[in-house]
Amino acid sequence: MTRQECSEIFAMLSEYLDREIPPDLCDEIERHIEDCPPCVAFVESLRKSIALCKALKGEAPLPPLPEAVRTQLLDAWRKSTTGAQ
């Protein structure tokens, strides 16, 4: 898989998980995800995040993440999309 393909998939994941895109595009995303470990990890992470948000709905909002944590998450995402270790 190329970085470009993964970036395109990442851009559509929320809509994919909510089934807000056409079925043929869902099929295309599923085929990509089946063969792309970084995308599998990202989808699972996004699914967990969505579930946590739904579970917290109505509770007090969480404070913003510290800048150091945001930087680490962004670095991890970049590594997952480039295949860097």
N, C-alpha and C. Protein backbone atom coordinates (compact mmCIF):
# COMPACT_ATOMS: atom_id res chain seq x y z
N MET A 1 0.83 -1.17 0.00
CA MET A 1 0.00 0.00 0.00
C MET A 1 0.88 1.25 0.00
N THR A 2 0.42 2.26 -0.67
CA THR A 2 1.19 3.50 -0.72
C THR A 2 0.68 4.47 0.35
N ARG A 3 1.53 5.40 0.68
CA ARG A 3 1.16 6.43 1.66
C ARG A 3 -0.05 7.21 1.17
N GLN A 4 -0.10 7.48 -0.13
CA GLN A 4 -1.23 8.21 -0.71
C GLN A 4 -2.53 7.44 -0.52
N GLU A 5 -2.50 6.13 -0.77
CA GLU A 5 -3.71 5.32 -0.59
C GLU A 5 -4.17 5.37 0.87
N CYS A 6 -3.24 5.23 1.79
CA CYS A 6 -3.58 5.26 3.22
C CYS A 6 -4.14 6.63 3.60
N SER A 7 -3.55 7.69 3.10
CA SER A 7 -4.05 9.03 3.41
C SER A 7 -5.48 9.21 2.91
N GLU A 8 -5.76 8.69 1.74
CA GLU A 8 -7.12 8.78 1.20
C GLU A 8 -8.10 7.97 2.05
N ILE A 9 -7.66 6.81 2.51
CA ILE A 9 -8.49 5.98 3.37
C ILE A 9 -8.73 6.69 4.70
N PHE A 10 -7.66 7.22 5.31
CA PHE A 10 -7.80 7.91 6.58
C PHE A 10 -8.80 9.06 6.49
N ALA A 11 -8.80 9.76 5.37
CA ALA A 11 -9.69 10.91 5.19
C ALA A 11 -11.16 10.49 5.16
N MET A 12 -11.44 9.23 4.84
CA MET A 12 -12.82 8.76 4.72
C MET A 12 -13.26 7.85 5.86
N LEU A 13 -12.41 7.60 6.83
CA LEU A 13 -12.72 6.59 7.84
C LEU A 13 -13.95 6.91 8.69
N SER A 14 -14.11 8.14 9.09
CA SER A 14 -15.29 8.47 9.90
C SER A 14 -16.57 8.20 9.13
N GLU A 15 -16.60 8.64 7.89
CA GLU A 15 -17.78 8.40 7.05
C GLU A 15 -17.97 6.90 6.79
N TYR A 16 -16.86 6.19 6.63
CA TYR A 16 -16.92 4.74 6.43
C TYR A 16 -17.54 4.05 7.65
N LEU A 17 -17.04 4.39 8.83
CA LEU A 17 -17.54 3.75 10.04
C LEU A 17 -19.00 4.08 10.30
N ASP A 18 -19.42 5.26 9.88
CA ASP A 18 -20.82 5.66 10.05
C ASP A 18 -21.69 5.23 8.87
N ARG A 19 -21.08 4.56 7.89
CA ARG A 19 -21.77 4.10 6.68
C ARG A 19 -22.46 5.25 5.96
N GLU A 20 -21.73 6.37 5.85
CA GLU A 20 -22.25 7.55 5.17
C GLU A 20 -21.71 7.69 3.76
N ILE A 21 -21.07 6.65 3.25
CA ILE A 21 -20.55 6.67 1.89
C ILE A 21 -21.17 5.51 1.11
N PRO A 22 -21.13 5.58 -0.21
CA PRO A 22 -21.76 4.53 -1.02
C PRO A 22 -21.15 3.14 -0.74
N PRO A 23 -21.97 2.11 -0.86
CA PRO A 23 -21.51 0.75 -0.59
C PRO A 23 -20.28 0.33 -1.39
N ASP A 24 -20.18 0.75 -2.66
CA ASP A 24 -19.02 0.35 -3.46
C ASP A 24 -17.74 0.97 -2.91
N LEU A 25 -17.83 2.18 -2.38
CA LEU A 25 -16.66 2.81 -1.77
C LEU A 25 -16.32 2.13 -0.44
N CYS A 26 -17.33 1.72 0.31
CA CYS A 26 -17.10 0.94 1.54
C CYS A 26 -16.35 -0.35 1.21
N ASP A 27 -16.76 -1.02 0.14
CA ASP A 27 -16.08 -2.25 -0.28
C ASP A 27 -14.63 -1.99 -0.62
N GLU A 28 -14.37 -0.89 -1.31
CA GLU A 28 -13.00 -0.54 -1.68
C GLU A 28 -12.15 -0.28 -0.44
N ILE A 29 -12.70 0.42 0.53
CA ILE A 29 -11.97 0.70 1.77
C ILE A 29 -11.70 -0.61 2.50
N GLU A 30 -12.68 -1.49 2.57
CA GLU A 30 -12.50 -2.77 3.25
C GLU A 30 -11.41 -3.61 2.60
N ARG A 31 -11.36 -3.60 1.27
CA ARG A 31 -10.30 -4.36 0.58
C ARG A 31 -8.92 -3.78 0.93
N HIS A 32 -8.83 -2.46 0.97
CA HIS A 32 -7.55 -1.83 1.32
C HIS A 32 -7.16 -2.20 2.75
N ILE A 33 -8.11 -2.08 3.67
CA ILE A 33 -7.82 -2.32 5.08
C ILE A 33 -7.38 -3.76 5.31
N GLU A 34 -7.96 -4.71 4.59
CA GLU A 34 -7.60 -6.12 4.77
C GLU A 34 -6.11 -6.37 4.55
N ASP A 35 -5.49 -5.60 3.67
CA ASP A 35 -4.10 -5.83 3.31
C ASP A 35 -3.14 -4.77 3.86
N CYS A 36 -3.59 -3.94 4.81
CA CYS A 36 -2.77 -2.83 5.26
C CYS A 36 -2.76 -2.76 6.79
N PRO A 37 -1.75 -3.35 7.44
CA PRO A 37 -1.70 -3.35 8.90
C PRO A 37 -1.79 -1.96 9.54
N PRO A 38 -1.12 -0.92 9.00
CA PRO A 38 -1.28 0.40 9.64
C PRO A 38 -2.72 0.90 9.60
N CYS A 39 -3.43 0.62 8.52
CA CYS A 39 -4.82 1.06 8.42
C CYS A 39 -5.71 0.24 9.36
N VAL A 40 -5.42 -1.05 9.51
CA VAL A 40 -6.17 -1.88 10.46
C VAL A 40 -6.03 -1.29 11.86
N ALA A 41 -4.80 -0.97 12.24
CA ALA A 41 -4.55 -0.40 13.57
C ALA A 41 -5.27 0.93 13.74
N PHE A 42 -5.23 1.75 12.71
CA PHE A 42 -5.88 3.06 12.80
C PHE A 42 -7.40 2.92 12.90
N VAL A 43 -7.98 2.01 12.12
CA VAL A 43 -9.43 1.79 12.17
C VAL A 43 -9.84 1.31 13.55
N GLU A 44 -9.11 0.37 14.10
CA GLU A 44 -9.44 -0.15 15.43
C GLU A 44 -9.33 0.95 16.49
N SER A 45 -8.31 1.78 16.37
CA SER A 45 -8.15 2.90 17.29
C SER A 45 -9.32 3.87 17.16
N LEU A 46 -9.71 4.16 15.94
CA LEU A 46 -10.83 5.07 15.72
C LEU A 46 -12.13 4.48 16.26
N ARG A 47 -12.34 3.19 16.05
CA ARG A 47 -13.55 2.53 16.58
C ARG A 47 -13.59 2.63 18.10
N LYS A 48 -12.45 2.40 18.74
CA LYS A 48 -12.39 2.50 20.20
C LYS A 48 -12.66 3.94 20.65
N SER A 49 -12.11 4.89 19.94
CA SER A 49 -12.33 6.30 20.28
C SER A 49 -13.80 6.67 20.18
N ILE A 50 -14.44 6.21 19.12
CA ILE A 50 -15.87 6.48 18.93
C ILE A 50 -16.68 5.85 20.07
N ALA A 51 -16.36 4.62 20.40
CA ALA A 51 -17.07 3.94 21.49
C ALA A 51 -16.89 4.68 22.81
N LEU A 52 -15.67 5.13 23.08
CA LEU A 52 -15.43 5.88 24.31
C LEU A 52 -16.19 7.19 24.32
N CYS A 53 -16.22 7.88 23.20
CA CYS A 53 -16.97 9.14 23.12
C CYS A 53 -18.45 8.91 23.36
N LYS A 54 -18.98 7.85 22.78
CA LYS A 54 -20.39 7.55 22.99
C LYS A 54 -20.66 7.19 24.44
N ALA A 55 -19.73 6.48 25.07
CA ALA A 55 -19.90 6.11 26.47
C ALA A 55 -19.84 7.33 27.38
N LEU A 56 -19.07 8.33 27.00
CA LEU A 56 -18.92 9.53 27.82
C LEU A 56 -19.96 10.61 27.51
N LYS A 57 -20.78 10.36 26.52
CA LYS A 57 -21.77 11.36 26.11
C LYS A 57 -22.60 11.77 27.33
N GLY A 58 -22.71 13.06 27.50
CA GLY A 58 -23.47 13.58 28.62
C GLY A 58 -22.65 13.82 29.87
N GLU A 59 -21.44 13.28 29.92
CA GLU A 59 -20.56 13.52 31.06
C GLU A 59 -19.75 14.78 30.80
N ALA A 60 -19.10 15.24 31.83
CA ALA A 60 -18.28 16.44 31.70
C ALA A 60 -17.21 16.22 30.64
N PRO A 61 -16.93 17.22 29.81
CA PRO A 61 -15.90 17.06 28.77
C PRO A 61 -14.53 16.85 29.38
N LEU A 62 -13.73 16.09 28.67
CA LEU A 62 -12.36 15.84 29.11
C LEU A 62 -11.51 17.08 28.83
N PRO A 63 -10.49 17.30 29.65
CA PRO A 63 -9.60 18.43 29.37
C PRO A 63 -8.78 18.15 28.11
N PRO A 64 -8.28 19.19 27.46
CA PRO A 64 -7.46 18.99 26.26
C PRO A 64 -6.20 18.18 26.60
N LEU A 65 -5.72 17.46 25.61
CA LEU A 65 -4.48 16.71 25.79
C LEU A 65 -3.30 17.66 25.92
N PRO A 66 -2.35 17.32 26.78
CA PRO A 66 -1.14 18.14 26.84
C PRO A 66 -0.42 18.12 25.48
N GLU A 67 0.28 19.18 25.19
CA GLU A 67 0.97 19.32 23.90
C GLU A 67 1.93 18.16 23.65
N ALA A 68 2.63 17.69 24.67
CA ALA A 68 3.58 16.58 24.50
C ALA A 68 2.86 15.31 24.04
N VAL A 69 1.68 15.05 24.58
CA VAL A 69 0.90 13.87 24.20
C VAL A 69 0.39 14.02 22.77
N ARG A 70 -0.08 15.23 22.43
CA ARG A 70 -0.54 15.47 21.07
C ARG A 70 0.59 15.23 20.07
N THR A 71 1.79 15.68 20.41
CA THR A 71 2.95 15.50 19.54
C THR A 71 3.27 14.01 19.37
N GLN A 72 3.23 13.26 20.46
CA GLN A 72 3.51 11.81 20.39
C GLN A 72 2.47 11.10 19.52
N LEU A 73 1.20 11.45 19.68
CA LEU A 73 0.16 10.83 18.86
C LEU A 73 0.33 11.16 17.38
N LEU A 74 0.66 12.41 17.10
CA LEU A 74 0.88 12.81 15.71
C LEU A 74 2.08 12.08 15.12
N ASP A 75 3.16 11.95 15.89
CA ASP A 75 4.34 11.21 15.42
C ASP A 75 4.00 9.75 15.15
N ALA A 76 3.22 9.13 16.04
CA ALA A 76 2.83 7.73 15.85
C ALA A 76 1.98 7.57 14.60
N TRP A 77 1.07 8.51 14.37
CA TRP A 77 0.24 8.46 13.16
C TRP A 77 1.11 8.58 11.91
N ARG A 78 2.04 9.53 11.93
CA ARG A 78 2.91 9.71 10.77
C ARG A 78 3.73 8.46 10.49
N LYS A 79 4.25 7.83 11.55
CA LYS A 79 5.03 6.59 11.36
C LYS A 79 4.16 5.48 10.80
N SER A 80 2.90 5.42 11.24
CA SER A 80 2.02 4.35 10.76
C SER A 80 1.68 4.53 9.29
N THR A 81 1.68 5.78 8.82
CA THR A 81 1.33 6.00 7.42
C THR A 81 2.53 5.91 6.50
N THR A 82 3.73 6.00 7.06
CA THR A 82 4.94 5.93 6.22
C THR A 82 5.63 4.59 6.33
N GLY A 83 5.23 3.80 7.31
CA GLY A 83 5.88 2.50 7.52
C GLY A 83 7.19 2.61 8.28
N ALA A 84 7.53 3.81 8.75
CA ALA A 84 8.77 4.00 9.52
C ALA A 84 8.62 3.35 10.88
N GLN A 85 9.72 2.88 11.40
CA GLN A 85 9.72 2.25 12.73
C GLN A 85 10.41 3.11 13.74
